[in-house]
Amino acid sequence: MLIHLQNVCSPEQVEHLRRLIREGTFGDGGKTAGRVARGVKANEQLETGARVDTVRSEVRKALMAHAGFVSFARPKTLSRILVSRYREGMEYGPHIDDALMGGRRADLSFTLFLSEPDRYDGGELVMDGTEGETEIKLAPGDAVVYATSAIHHVAPVTSGERLAVVGWVRSLVRRADQREILFDLDQVSTRLFERDGKTRELDLILKTKANLLRQWAED
């Protein structure tokens, strides 16, 4: 299961992040890939320093303030955040993300898009699932969250430049099916409240969600 999150960052926030990134220095993206993935990774990443630390901090705050992200991911920690750049001819071949990031379990991955989709050709995030391939190319400020175990790749960029922030989440709820149940209960309870206000039925749904969270959460 994956989710498209709209407006994680406002246009003003996106432009601010772009300015910070433009002032930074990029290096070989292969340095942060695992032994197998390194052979298929051809991109650049913002090097460590004050600018990348600021970008990471602002992206972390934006995600944690987004109700859809919190409901879907149940985040305990965001273990790693990288800024990636793809120029003409660059790509990231099929791979899965590491199960451990910085010594912490990684349950979910995210990609926050920063470039206008009509300013570069190619560069789609492609998810390889049982139903076939799904191509994802979102507006700046939008993000996609997906299972870290999913096979995926970034298609070759044939023109322009693709900027994105990628990262990994350790969830309070380890199992994807349990996170999906909690997410669905959030959606139902929100819509019932918007339609009918506080009711006995809504209280029972919230009670059920709370009891499930107590059973499943690893705090």
N, C-alpha and C. Protein backbone atom coordinates (compact mmCIF):
# COMPACT_ATOMS: atom_id res chain seq x y z
N MET A 1 0.84 -1.19 0.00
CA MET A 1 0.00 0.00 0.00
C MET A 1 0.88 1.25 0.00
N LEU A 2 0.52 2.21 -0.83
CA LEU A 2 1.22 3.49 -0.83
C LEU A 2 0.18 4.60 -0.79
N ILE A 3 0.63 5.79 -0.45
CA ILE A 3 -0.28 6.93 -0.36
C ILE A 3 0.37 8.15 -0.97
N HIS A 4 -0.43 8.93 -1.68
CA HIS A 4 -0.01 10.21 -2.24
C HIS A 4 -0.47 11.31 -1.28
N LEU A 5 0.47 12.06 -0.75
CA LEU A 5 0.17 13.14 0.18
C LEU A 5 0.30 14.47 -0.55
N GLN A 6 -0.78 15.24 -0.57
CA GLN A 6 -0.75 16.54 -1.23
C GLN A 6 -0.37 17.63 -0.23
N ASN A 7 0.33 18.63 -0.75
CA ASN A 7 0.64 19.85 0.01
C ASN A 7 1.35 19.57 1.34
N VAL A 8 2.33 18.67 1.29
CA VAL A 8 3.19 18.51 2.47
C VAL A 8 3.95 19.80 2.72
N CYS A 9 4.42 20.42 1.65
CA CYS A 9 5.07 21.73 1.73
C CYS A 9 4.31 22.71 0.84
N SER A 10 4.14 23.92 1.34
CA SER A 10 3.48 24.97 0.55
C SER A 10 4.43 25.43 -0.56
N PRO A 11 3.90 26.15 -1.57
CA PRO A 11 4.79 26.69 -2.60
C PRO A 11 5.91 27.54 -2.02
N GLU A 12 5.62 28.31 -0.97
CA GLU A 12 6.66 29.13 -0.35
C GLU A 12 7.72 28.26 0.32
N GLN A 13 7.29 27.19 0.97
CA GLN A 13 8.25 26.28 1.59
C GLN A 13 9.11 25.58 0.54
N VAL A 14 8.47 25.18 -0.57
CA VAL A 14 9.22 24.52 -1.65
C VAL A 14 10.29 25.45 -2.19
N GLU A 15 9.95 26.71 -2.44
CA GLU A 15 10.92 27.65 -2.97
C GLU A 15 12.05 27.89 -1.97
N HIS A 16 11.71 27.94 -0.68
CA HIS A 16 12.75 28.10 0.34
C HIS A 16 13.70 26.91 0.34
N LEU A 17 13.17 25.71 0.25
CA LEU A 17 14.01 24.52 0.20
C LEU A 17 14.89 24.52 -1.05
N ARG A 18 14.32 24.92 -2.16
CA ARG A 18 15.11 24.98 -3.40
C ARG A 18 16.27 25.95 -3.25
N ARG A 19 16.04 27.11 -2.62
CA ARG A 19 17.12 28.08 -2.44
C ARG A 19 18.23 27.50 -1.58
N LEU A 20 17.86 26.83 -0.49
CA LEU A 20 18.86 26.20 0.36
C LEU A 20 19.67 25.17 -0.41
N ILE A 21 18.98 24.39 -1.21
CA ILE A 21 19.64 23.31 -1.96
C ILE A 21 20.57 23.89 -3.02
N ARG A 22 20.11 24.97 -3.71
CA ARG A 22 20.95 25.56 -4.75
C ARG A 22 22.26 26.09 -4.18
N GLU A 23 22.25 26.50 -2.92
CA GLU A 23 23.46 27.05 -2.29
C GLU A 23 24.41 25.96 -1.79
N GLY A 24 23.97 24.72 -1.84
CA GLY A 24 24.77 23.62 -1.31
C GLY A 24 25.67 22.98 -2.34
N THR A 25 26.39 21.96 -1.89
CA THR A 25 27.32 21.21 -2.74
C THR A 25 26.85 19.76 -2.83
N PHE A 26 26.84 19.22 -4.05
CA PHE A 26 26.40 17.85 -4.27
C PHE A 26 27.59 16.92 -4.48
N GLY A 27 27.42 15.67 -4.05
CA GLY A 27 28.43 14.64 -4.25
C GLY A 27 27.80 13.38 -4.81
N ASP A 28 28.59 12.34 -4.94
CA ASP A 28 28.16 11.07 -5.52
C ASP A 28 27.10 10.41 -4.64
N GLY A 29 25.92 10.16 -5.22
CA GLY A 29 24.85 9.53 -4.46
C GLY A 29 25.12 8.08 -4.12
N GLY A 30 26.04 7.45 -4.83
CA GLY A 30 26.34 6.05 -4.56
C GLY A 30 26.95 5.80 -3.20
N LYS A 31 27.46 6.85 -2.56
CA LYS A 31 28.11 6.69 -1.26
C LYS A 31 27.14 6.20 -0.19
N THR A 32 25.85 6.50 -0.32
CA THR A 32 24.88 6.14 0.71
C THR A 32 24.07 4.90 0.35
N ALA A 33 24.37 4.28 -0.78
CA ALA A 33 23.64 3.07 -1.19
C ALA A 33 24.29 1.83 -0.59
N GLY A 34 23.50 0.78 -0.45
CA GLY A 34 24.03 -0.51 -0.01
C GLY A 34 24.90 -1.14 -1.07
N ARG A 35 25.54 -2.26 -0.73
CA ARG A 35 26.51 -2.89 -1.62
C ARG A 35 25.91 -3.27 -2.97
N VAL A 36 24.69 -3.81 -2.96
CA VAL A 36 24.05 -4.23 -4.21
C VAL A 36 23.49 -3.03 -4.96
N ALA A 37 22.78 -2.14 -4.25
CA ALA A 37 22.14 -1.00 -4.90
C ALA A 37 23.15 -0.02 -5.47
N ARG A 38 24.35 0.02 -4.91
CA ARG A 38 25.35 0.98 -5.36
C ARG A 38 25.65 0.83 -6.85
N GLY A 39 25.56 -0.39 -7.34
CA GLY A 39 25.87 -0.64 -8.74
C GLY A 39 24.84 -0.10 -9.72
N VAL A 40 23.63 0.23 -9.24
CA VAL A 40 22.59 0.72 -10.14
C VAL A 40 22.18 2.15 -9.81
N LYS A 41 22.89 2.79 -8.89
CA LYS A 41 22.54 4.14 -8.47
C LYS A 41 23.46 5.17 -9.12
N ALA A 42 22.87 6.05 -9.92
CA ALA A 42 23.63 7.11 -10.58
C ALA A 42 22.89 8.41 -10.36
N ASN A 43 23.15 9.06 -9.24
CA ASN A 43 22.57 10.37 -8.96
C ASN A 43 23.52 11.16 -8.08
N GLU A 44 23.06 12.32 -7.63
CA GLU A 44 23.87 13.15 -6.75
C GLU A 44 23.08 13.44 -5.47
N GLN A 45 23.80 13.67 -4.38
CA GLN A 45 23.15 13.98 -3.12
C GLN A 45 23.81 15.19 -2.47
N LEU A 46 22.96 15.98 -1.80
CA LEU A 46 23.46 17.15 -1.10
C LEU A 46 24.38 16.69 0.03
N GLU A 47 25.56 17.30 0.08
CA GLU A 47 26.55 16.89 1.07
C GLU A 47 26.16 17.40 2.46
N THR A 48 26.78 16.83 3.46
CA THR A 48 26.48 17.22 4.84
C THR A 48 26.90 18.67 5.11
N GLY A 49 26.24 19.29 6.06
CA GLY A 49 26.54 20.67 6.41
C GLY A 49 25.29 21.38 6.88
N ALA A 50 25.43 22.67 7.14
CA ALA A 50 24.32 23.45 7.71
C ALA A 50 23.11 23.45 6.80
N ARG A 51 23.32 23.55 5.49
CA ARG A 51 22.19 23.64 4.58
C ARG A 51 21.40 22.34 4.55
N VAL A 52 22.09 21.22 4.45
CA VAL A 52 21.36 19.95 4.40
C VAL A 52 20.69 19.68 5.74
N ASP A 53 21.30 20.10 6.84
CA ASP A 53 20.67 19.93 8.15
C ASP A 53 19.38 20.74 8.24
N THR A 54 19.41 21.95 7.69
CA THR A 54 18.21 22.79 7.69
C THR A 54 17.12 22.18 6.84
N VAL A 55 17.48 21.67 5.66
CA VAL A 55 16.49 21.02 4.79
C VAL A 55 15.87 19.83 5.51
N ARG A 56 16.69 19.01 6.13
CA ARG A 56 16.17 17.84 6.84
C ARG A 56 15.21 18.26 7.95
N SER A 57 15.59 19.28 8.71
CA SER A 57 14.75 19.74 9.82
C SER A 57 13.41 20.25 9.31
N GLU A 58 13.42 21.02 8.24
CA GLU A 58 12.18 21.60 7.74
C GLU A 58 11.28 20.54 7.11
N VAL A 59 11.86 19.58 6.42
CA VAL A 59 11.06 18.50 5.84
C VAL A 59 10.47 17.64 6.95
N ARG A 60 11.26 17.35 7.96
CA ARG A 60 10.75 16.56 9.09
C ARG A 60 9.56 17.26 9.75
N LYS A 61 9.67 18.56 9.98
CA LYS A 61 8.58 19.31 10.59
C LYS A 61 7.33 19.29 9.70
N ALA A 62 7.54 19.46 8.40
CA ALA A 62 6.40 19.48 7.47
C ALA A 62 5.67 18.15 7.45
N LEU A 63 6.41 17.06 7.44
CA LEU A 63 5.78 15.74 7.45
C LEU A 63 5.03 15.49 8.75
N MET A 64 5.65 15.82 9.86
CA MET A 64 5.02 15.56 11.15
C MET A 64 3.81 16.46 11.40
N ALA A 65 3.69 17.55 10.64
CA ALA A 65 2.52 18.42 10.74
C ALA A 65 1.42 18.02 9.76
N HIS A 66 1.67 17.03 8.92
CA HIS A 66 0.70 16.62 7.90
C HIS A 66 -0.13 15.47 8.45
N ALA A 67 -1.42 15.69 8.61
CA ALA A 67 -2.29 14.69 9.24
C ALA A 67 -2.29 13.37 8.48
N GLY A 68 -2.27 13.43 7.17
CA GLY A 68 -2.28 12.20 6.38
C GLY A 68 -1.04 11.36 6.58
N PHE A 69 0.12 12.02 6.69
CA PHE A 69 1.36 11.29 6.93
C PHE A 69 1.33 10.62 8.29
N VAL A 70 0.93 11.36 9.32
CA VAL A 70 0.91 10.81 10.67
C VAL A 70 -0.07 9.64 10.76
N SER A 71 -1.24 9.76 10.14
CA SER A 71 -2.24 8.70 10.19
C SER A 71 -1.77 7.45 9.44
N PHE A 72 -1.15 7.65 8.30
CA PHE A 72 -0.73 6.51 7.47
C PHE A 72 0.51 5.83 8.02
N ALA A 73 1.51 6.62 8.44
CA ALA A 73 2.81 6.07 8.82
C ALA A 73 2.94 5.73 10.30
N ARG A 74 2.15 6.37 11.17
CA ARG A 74 2.31 6.20 12.62
C ARG A 74 3.79 6.33 12.99
N PRO A 75 4.43 7.46 12.65
CA PRO A 75 5.89 7.54 12.78
C PRO A 75 6.37 7.57 14.22
N LYS A 76 7.39 6.78 14.48
CA LYS A 76 8.13 6.89 15.74
C LYS A 76 9.35 7.77 15.53
N THR A 77 10.10 7.49 14.47
CA THR A 77 11.25 8.32 14.11
C THR A 77 11.38 8.37 12.60
N LEU A 78 11.95 9.46 12.10
CA LEU A 78 12.41 9.55 10.73
C LEU A 78 13.92 9.34 10.79
N SER A 79 14.36 8.17 10.35
CA SER A 79 15.72 7.76 10.65
C SER A 79 16.77 8.34 9.72
N ARG A 80 16.37 8.73 8.50
CA ARG A 80 17.37 9.25 7.57
C ARG A 80 16.65 10.10 6.52
N ILE A 81 17.23 11.23 6.16
CA ILE A 81 16.66 12.11 5.14
C ILE A 81 17.79 12.56 4.22
N LEU A 82 17.61 12.37 2.92
CA LEU A 82 18.61 12.72 1.92
C LEU A 82 17.98 13.62 0.86
N VAL A 83 18.79 14.51 0.29
CA VAL A 83 18.36 15.33 -0.83
C VAL A 83 19.04 14.79 -2.09
N SER A 84 18.24 14.37 -3.07
CA SER A 84 18.80 13.76 -4.27
C SER A 84 18.56 14.64 -5.49
N ARG A 85 19.51 14.60 -6.40
CA ARG A 85 19.41 15.34 -7.66
C ARG A 85 19.74 14.41 -8.82
N TYR A 86 18.88 14.44 -9.82
CA TYR A 86 19.10 13.67 -11.04
C TYR A 86 19.18 14.65 -12.21
N ARG A 87 20.29 14.59 -12.93
CA ARG A 87 20.44 15.37 -14.15
C ARG A 87 20.36 14.43 -15.34
N GLU A 88 20.46 15.01 -16.51
CA GLU A 88 20.29 14.23 -17.75
C GLU A 88 21.21 12.99 -17.73
N GLY A 89 20.61 11.84 -18.00
CA GLY A 89 21.35 10.59 -18.05
C GLY A 89 21.43 9.84 -16.73
N MET A 90 20.97 10.46 -15.64
CA MET A 90 21.04 9.82 -14.33
C MET A 90 19.79 9.01 -14.05
N GLU A 91 19.95 7.96 -13.25
CA GLU A 91 18.83 7.08 -12.89
C GLU A 91 19.22 6.28 -11.66
N TYR A 92 18.24 5.54 -11.13
CA TYR A 92 18.48 4.62 -10.01
C TYR A 92 17.73 3.36 -10.36
N GLY A 93 18.48 2.31 -10.68
CA GLY A 93 17.88 1.07 -11.15
C GLY A 93 17.07 0.35 -10.08
N PRO A 94 16.43 -0.76 -10.44
CA PRO A 94 15.57 -1.49 -9.49
C PRO A 94 16.34 -1.89 -8.22
N HIS A 95 15.70 -1.65 -7.08
CA HIS A 95 16.33 -1.94 -5.79
C HIS A 95 15.26 -1.95 -4.71
N ILE A 96 15.64 -2.44 -3.55
CA ILE A 96 14.84 -2.26 -2.34
C ILE A 96 15.68 -1.47 -1.35
N ASP A 97 15.02 -0.71 -0.50
CA ASP A 97 15.74 0.07 0.50
C ASP A 97 16.17 -0.83 1.65
N ASP A 98 17.21 -0.42 2.35
CA ASP A 98 17.73 -1.21 3.46
C ASP A 98 16.71 -1.35 4.58
N ALA A 99 16.71 -2.50 5.22
CA ALA A 99 15.79 -2.75 6.34
C ALA A 99 16.18 -1.95 7.57
N LEU A 100 17.45 -1.63 7.71
CA LEU A 100 17.95 -0.84 8.84
C LEU A 100 18.61 0.42 8.33
N MET A 101 18.25 1.55 8.90
CA MET A 101 18.85 2.83 8.55
C MET A 101 19.41 3.45 9.83
N GLY A 102 20.72 3.60 9.88
CA GLY A 102 21.34 4.14 11.09
C GLY A 102 21.09 3.28 12.31
N GLY A 103 20.99 1.96 12.12
CA GLY A 103 20.76 1.05 13.22
C GLY A 103 19.32 0.95 13.66
N ARG A 104 18.39 1.60 12.90
CA ARG A 104 16.97 1.56 13.25
C ARG A 104 16.19 0.89 12.14
N ARG A 105 15.15 0.16 12.53
CA ARG A 105 14.30 -0.50 11.56
C ARG A 105 13.61 0.53 10.66
N ALA A 106 13.60 0.28 9.36
CA ALA A 106 12.91 1.14 8.40
C ALA A 106 11.69 0.40 7.87
N ASP A 107 10.51 0.95 8.13
CA ASP A 107 9.26 0.33 7.69
C ASP A 107 8.71 0.97 6.42
N LEU A 108 8.87 2.27 6.30
CA LEU A 108 8.30 3.03 5.19
C LEU A 108 9.35 3.97 4.61
N SER A 109 9.23 4.21 3.31
CA SER A 109 10.08 5.17 2.62
C SER A 109 9.20 6.30 2.09
N PHE A 110 9.78 7.47 1.90
CA PHE A 110 9.01 8.55 1.28
C PHE A 110 9.87 9.30 0.28
N THR A 111 9.20 9.87 -0.71
CA THR A 111 9.83 10.77 -1.67
C THR A 111 9.00 12.05 -1.71
N LEU A 112 9.64 13.17 -1.40
CA LEU A 112 9.01 14.48 -1.48
C LEU A 112 9.55 15.16 -2.73
N PHE A 113 8.67 15.44 -3.67
CA PHE A 113 9.08 16.03 -4.94
C PHE A 113 9.24 17.55 -4.79
N LEU A 114 10.30 18.09 -5.41
CA LEU A 114 10.57 19.53 -5.35
C LEU A 114 10.61 20.20 -6.71
N SER A 115 10.74 19.44 -7.78
CA SER A 115 10.82 20.02 -9.12
C SER A 115 9.46 20.01 -9.81
N GLU A 116 9.21 21.04 -10.60
CA GLU A 116 7.99 21.06 -11.42
C GLU A 116 8.06 19.88 -12.39
N PRO A 117 7.00 19.08 -12.51
CA PRO A 117 7.07 17.89 -13.37
C PRO A 117 7.29 18.18 -14.84
N ASP A 118 6.92 19.40 -15.30
CA ASP A 118 7.12 19.73 -16.71
C ASP A 118 8.50 20.34 -16.98
N ARG A 119 9.35 20.40 -15.93
CA ARG A 119 10.69 20.95 -16.10
C ARG A 119 11.75 19.86 -16.29
N TYR A 120 11.32 18.61 -16.25
CA TYR A 120 12.25 17.52 -16.56
C TYR A 120 11.48 16.36 -17.21
N ASP A 121 12.16 15.64 -18.07
CA ASP A 121 11.58 14.47 -18.74
C ASP A 121 12.17 13.21 -18.15
N GLY A 122 11.32 12.18 -18.01
CA GLY A 122 11.75 10.96 -17.33
C GLY A 122 11.74 11.21 -15.82
N GLY A 123 12.53 10.43 -15.10
CA GLY A 123 12.67 10.64 -13.66
C GLY A 123 11.49 10.18 -12.83
N GLU A 124 10.58 9.39 -13.42
CA GLU A 124 9.46 8.90 -12.63
C GLU A 124 9.94 7.91 -11.56
N LEU A 125 9.31 7.97 -10.39
CA LEU A 125 9.49 6.91 -9.41
C LEU A 125 8.58 5.77 -9.82
N VAL A 126 9.15 4.61 -10.06
CA VAL A 126 8.39 3.48 -10.60
C VAL A 126 8.34 2.38 -9.55
N MET A 127 7.13 2.04 -9.11
CA MET A 127 6.92 0.98 -8.13
C MET A 127 6.59 -0.31 -8.88
N ASP A 128 7.26 -1.39 -8.52
CA ASP A 128 7.07 -2.70 -9.16
C ASP A 128 6.24 -3.57 -8.23
N GLY A 129 4.96 -3.73 -8.56
CA GLY A 129 4.06 -4.51 -7.72
C GLY A 129 3.48 -5.69 -8.47
N THR A 130 2.65 -6.47 -7.78
CA THR A 130 2.03 -7.65 -8.40
C THR A 130 1.11 -7.26 -9.56
N GLU A 131 0.60 -6.01 -9.51
CA GLU A 131 -0.29 -5.55 -10.57
C GLU A 131 0.47 -4.90 -11.73
N GLY A 132 1.80 -4.91 -11.66
CA GLY A 132 2.62 -4.29 -12.69
C GLY A 132 3.32 -3.06 -12.16
N GLU A 133 3.79 -2.23 -13.05
CA GLU A 133 4.54 -1.04 -12.66
C GLU A 133 3.61 0.17 -12.52
N THR A 134 3.86 0.97 -11.51
CA THR A 134 3.14 2.21 -11.28
C THR A 134 4.12 3.36 -11.34
N GLU A 135 3.91 4.30 -12.26
CA GLU A 135 4.80 5.45 -12.41
C GLU A 135 4.26 6.63 -11.60
N ILE A 136 5.15 7.29 -10.87
CA ILE A 136 4.75 8.38 -9.98
C ILE A 136 5.63 9.59 -10.27
N LYS A 137 4.97 10.69 -10.57
CA LYS A 137 5.67 11.96 -10.83
C LYS A 137 4.75 13.07 -10.33
N LEU A 138 5.07 13.64 -9.18
CA LEU A 138 4.14 14.51 -8.47
C LEU A 138 4.53 15.98 -8.56
N ALA A 139 3.57 16.81 -8.20
CA ALA A 139 3.81 18.25 -8.14
C ALA A 139 4.76 18.58 -7.00
N PRO A 140 5.50 19.69 -7.10
CA PRO A 140 6.39 20.07 -6.00
C PRO A 140 5.61 20.32 -4.72
N GLY A 141 6.13 19.76 -3.63
CA GLY A 141 5.44 19.86 -2.35
C GLY A 141 4.61 18.65 -2.01
N ASP A 142 4.35 17.79 -3.00
CA ASP A 142 3.63 16.54 -2.76
C ASP A 142 4.62 15.42 -2.49
N ALA A 143 4.15 14.39 -1.77
CA ALA A 143 5.01 13.27 -1.41
C ALA A 143 4.27 11.96 -1.61
N VAL A 144 5.03 10.90 -1.77
CA VAL A 144 4.48 9.55 -1.79
C VAL A 144 5.18 8.74 -0.71
N VAL A 145 4.41 7.93 0.02
CA VAL A 145 4.94 7.08 1.08
C VAL A 145 4.63 5.65 0.71
N TYR A 146 5.62 4.76 0.85
CA TYR A 146 5.47 3.38 0.39
C TYR A 146 6.31 2.45 1.25
N ALA A 147 6.04 1.17 1.14
CA ALA A 147 6.76 0.18 1.94
C ALA A 147 8.23 0.16 1.57
N THR A 148 9.10 0.17 2.55
CA THR A 148 10.54 0.12 2.31
C THR A 148 10.94 -1.16 1.59
N SER A 149 10.16 -2.22 1.76
CA SER A 149 10.48 -3.50 1.13
C SER A 149 10.08 -3.57 -0.34
N ALA A 150 9.40 -2.54 -0.87
CA ALA A 150 8.94 -2.58 -2.25
C ALA A 150 10.09 -2.41 -3.23
N ILE A 151 10.09 -3.20 -4.30
CA ILE A 151 11.05 -3.02 -5.38
C ILE A 151 10.63 -1.77 -6.17
N HIS A 152 11.57 -0.87 -6.40
CA HIS A 152 11.25 0.37 -7.10
C HIS A 152 12.49 0.89 -7.80
N HIS A 153 12.29 1.84 -8.69
CA HIS A 153 13.43 2.48 -9.35
C HIS A 153 13.04 3.89 -9.80
N VAL A 154 14.05 4.70 -10.11
CA VAL A 154 13.84 6.01 -10.69
C VAL A 154 14.26 5.93 -12.15
N ALA A 155 13.29 6.22 -13.03
CA ALA A 155 13.56 6.13 -14.47
C ALA A 155 14.61 7.15 -14.89
N PRO A 156 15.34 6.86 -15.97
CA PRO A 156 16.37 7.80 -16.42
C PRO A 156 15.78 9.19 -16.72
N VAL A 157 16.48 10.22 -16.31
CA VAL A 157 16.13 11.59 -16.67
C VAL A 157 16.72 11.87 -18.04
N THR A 158 15.88 12.24 -18.98
CA THR A 158 16.35 12.47 -20.35
C THR A 158 16.60 13.94 -20.63
N SER A 159 16.02 14.84 -19.82
CA SER A 159 16.32 16.26 -19.92
C SER A 159 15.87 16.94 -18.64
N GLY A 160 16.50 18.08 -18.33
CA GLY A 160 16.12 18.82 -17.14
C GLY A 160 16.77 18.27 -15.88
N GLU A 161 16.19 18.64 -14.75
CA GLU A 161 16.74 18.27 -13.44
C GLU A 161 15.62 17.89 -12.49
N ARG A 162 15.80 16.78 -11.81
CA ARG A 162 14.82 16.28 -10.83
C ARG A 162 15.40 16.42 -9.43
N LEU A 163 14.75 17.23 -8.60
CA LEU A 163 15.13 17.38 -7.19
C LEU A 163 14.07 16.73 -6.32
N ALA A 164 14.51 16.00 -5.31
CA ALA A 164 13.58 15.36 -4.39
C ALA A 164 14.28 15.14 -3.05
N VAL A 165 13.46 15.04 -2.02
CA VAL A 165 13.95 14.66 -0.70
C VAL A 165 13.40 13.27 -0.40
N VAL A 166 14.28 12.36 -0.01
CA VAL A 166 13.87 11.00 0.29
C VAL A 166 14.23 10.68 1.74
N GLY A 167 13.46 9.79 2.33
CA GLY A 167 13.74 9.43 3.71
C GLY A 167 13.02 8.17 4.12
N TRP A 168 13.27 7.76 5.38
CA TRP A 168 12.76 6.49 5.88
C TRP A 168 12.16 6.67 7.25
N VAL A 169 11.13 5.87 7.52
CA VAL A 169 10.34 6.01 8.73
C VAL A 169 10.34 4.71 9.51
N ARG A 170 10.63 4.80 10.79
CA ARG A 170 10.33 3.69 11.69
C ARG A 170 8.97 3.96 12.30
N SER A 171 8.04 3.05 12.10
CA SER A 171 6.68 3.24 12.57
C SER A 171 6.49 2.69 13.97
N LEU A 172 5.56 3.29 14.71
CA LEU A 172 5.15 2.73 15.99
C LEU A 172 4.48 1.38 15.82
N VAL A 173 3.93 1.13 14.62
CA VAL A 173 3.23 -0.12 14.32
C VAL A 173 4.00 -0.83 13.23
N ARG A 174 4.59 -1.96 13.56
CA ARG A 174 5.50 -2.64 12.64
C ARG A 174 4.80 -3.20 11.40
N ARG A 175 3.61 -3.81 11.58
CA ARG A 175 2.97 -4.54 10.48
C ARG A 175 2.14 -3.62 9.61
N ALA A 176 2.29 -3.80 8.28
CA ALA A 176 1.58 -2.96 7.32
C ALA A 176 0.07 -3.16 7.39
N ASP A 177 -0.39 -4.40 7.60
CA ASP A 177 -1.84 -4.63 7.64
C ASP A 177 -2.47 -3.94 8.85
N GLN A 178 -1.74 -3.89 9.96
CA GLN A 178 -2.26 -3.21 11.14
C GLN A 178 -2.29 -1.70 10.94
N ARG A 179 -1.25 -1.15 10.30
CA ARG A 179 -1.25 0.28 9.99
C ARG A 179 -2.41 0.62 9.06
N GLU A 180 -2.72 -0.27 8.14
CA GLU A 180 -3.82 -0.01 7.21
C GLU A 180 -5.17 0.01 7.93
N ILE A 181 -5.35 -0.91 8.87
CA ILE A 181 -6.60 -0.92 9.65
C ILE A 181 -6.76 0.38 10.42
N LEU A 182 -5.69 0.84 11.08
CA LEU A 182 -5.75 2.08 11.84
C LEU A 182 -6.00 3.28 10.93
N PHE A 183 -5.38 3.28 9.78
CA PHE A 183 -5.59 4.36 8.81
C PHE A 183 -7.04 4.39 8.35
N ASP A 184 -7.59 3.23 8.03
CA ASP A 184 -8.99 3.17 7.60
C ASP A 184 -9.93 3.66 8.70
N LEU A 185 -9.66 3.29 9.94
CA LEU A 185 -10.49 3.76 11.05
C LEU A 185 -10.40 5.28 11.21
N ASP A 186 -9.21 5.83 10.98
CA ASP A 186 -9.07 7.28 11.00
C ASP A 186 -9.95 7.94 9.94
N GLN A 187 -9.92 7.37 8.72
CA GLN A 187 -10.70 7.95 7.63
C GLN A 187 -12.19 7.90 7.93
N VAL A 188 -12.65 6.76 8.43
CA VAL A 188 -14.08 6.60 8.73
C VAL A 188 -14.50 7.54 9.86
N SER A 189 -13.72 7.60 10.92
CA SER A 189 -14.09 8.44 12.06
C SER A 189 -14.11 9.92 11.68
N THR A 190 -13.16 10.35 10.86
CA THR A 190 -13.13 11.75 10.43
C THR A 190 -14.38 12.09 9.61
N ARG A 191 -14.75 11.21 8.69
CA ARG A 191 -15.91 11.49 7.84
C ARG A 191 -17.21 11.44 8.64
N LEU A 192 -17.31 10.51 9.59
CA LEU A 192 -18.51 10.47 10.42
C LEU A 192 -18.64 11.72 11.27
N PHE A 193 -17.53 12.20 11.82
CA PHE A 193 -17.58 13.41 12.64
C PHE A 193 -17.98 14.62 11.80
N GLU A 194 -17.41 14.71 10.57
CA GLU A 194 -17.77 15.82 9.70
C GLU A 194 -19.24 15.78 9.31
N ARG A 195 -19.80 14.59 9.18
CA ARG A 195 -21.19 14.46 8.75
C ARG A 195 -22.19 14.59 9.90
N ASP A 196 -21.86 13.93 11.03
CA ASP A 196 -22.86 13.82 12.10
C ASP A 196 -22.43 14.44 13.43
N GLY A 197 -21.18 14.90 13.51
CA GLY A 197 -20.70 15.38 14.80
C GLY A 197 -20.38 14.22 15.74
N LYS A 198 -20.30 14.51 17.02
CA LYS A 198 -19.96 13.49 18.01
C LYS A 198 -21.19 12.62 18.29
N THR A 199 -21.03 11.31 18.05
CA THR A 199 -22.13 10.37 18.26
C THR A 199 -21.63 9.17 19.04
N ARG A 200 -22.56 8.35 19.51
CA ARG A 200 -22.21 7.12 20.21
C ARG A 200 -21.43 6.19 19.29
N GLU A 201 -21.83 6.11 18.03
CA GLU A 201 -21.14 5.24 17.07
C GLU A 201 -19.71 5.70 16.85
N LEU A 202 -19.51 7.01 16.78
CA LEU A 202 -18.15 7.54 16.62
C LEU A 202 -17.30 7.21 17.84
N ASP A 203 -17.86 7.33 19.02
CA ASP A 203 -17.12 6.98 20.23
C ASP A 203 -16.67 5.53 20.22
N LEU A 204 -17.52 4.63 19.73
CA LEU A 204 -17.16 3.22 19.68
C LEU A 204 -16.03 2.97 18.68
N ILE A 205 -16.07 3.66 17.56
CA ILE A 205 -14.98 3.51 16.58
C ILE A 205 -13.67 4.01 17.17
N LEU A 206 -13.69 5.17 17.82
CA LEU A 206 -12.47 5.72 18.43
C LEU A 206 -11.96 4.82 19.55
N LYS A 207 -12.88 4.23 20.32
CA LYS A 207 -12.48 3.29 21.36
C LYS A 207 -11.79 2.08 20.75
N THR A 208 -12.35 1.54 19.67
CA THR A 208 -11.75 0.38 19.00
C THR A 208 -10.37 0.71 18.47
N LYS A 209 -10.24 1.88 17.82
CA LYS A 209 -8.93 2.28 17.30
C LYS A 209 -7.90 2.41 18.42
N ALA A 210 -8.30 3.02 19.53
CA ALA A 210 -7.39 3.19 20.65
C ALA A 210 -6.95 1.86 21.23
N ASN A 211 -7.88 0.92 21.35
CA ASN A 211 -7.53 -0.40 21.89
C ASN A 211 -6.59 -1.16 20.96
N LEU A 212 -6.82 -1.04 19.65
CA LEU A 212 -5.92 -1.69 18.70
C LEU A 212 -4.53 -1.06 18.75
N LEU A 213 -4.49 0.25 18.87
CA LEU A 213 -3.20 0.93 18.94
C LEU A 213 -2.42 0.50 20.19
N ARG A 214 -3.12 0.32 21.30
CA ARG A 214 -2.46 -0.15 22.52
C ARG A 214 -1.87 -1.55 22.32
N GLN A 215 -2.58 -2.39 21.58
CA GLN A 215 -2.08 -3.75 21.33
C GLN A 215 -0.88 -3.77 20.39
N TRP A 216 -0.90 -2.91 19.41
CA TRP A 216 0.07 -3.03 18.31
C TRP A 216 1.26 -2.08 18.40
N ALA A 217 1.12 -0.98 19.10
CA ALA A 217 2.20 0.02 19.10
C ALA A 217 3.42 -0.48 19.87
N GLU A 218 4.60 -0.14 19.34
CA GLU A 218 5.88 -0.42 19.99
C GLU A 218 6.49 0.92 20.35
N ASP A 219 6.21 1.40 21.55
CA ASP A 219 6.67 2.75 21.90
C ASP A 219 8.07 2.72 22.50
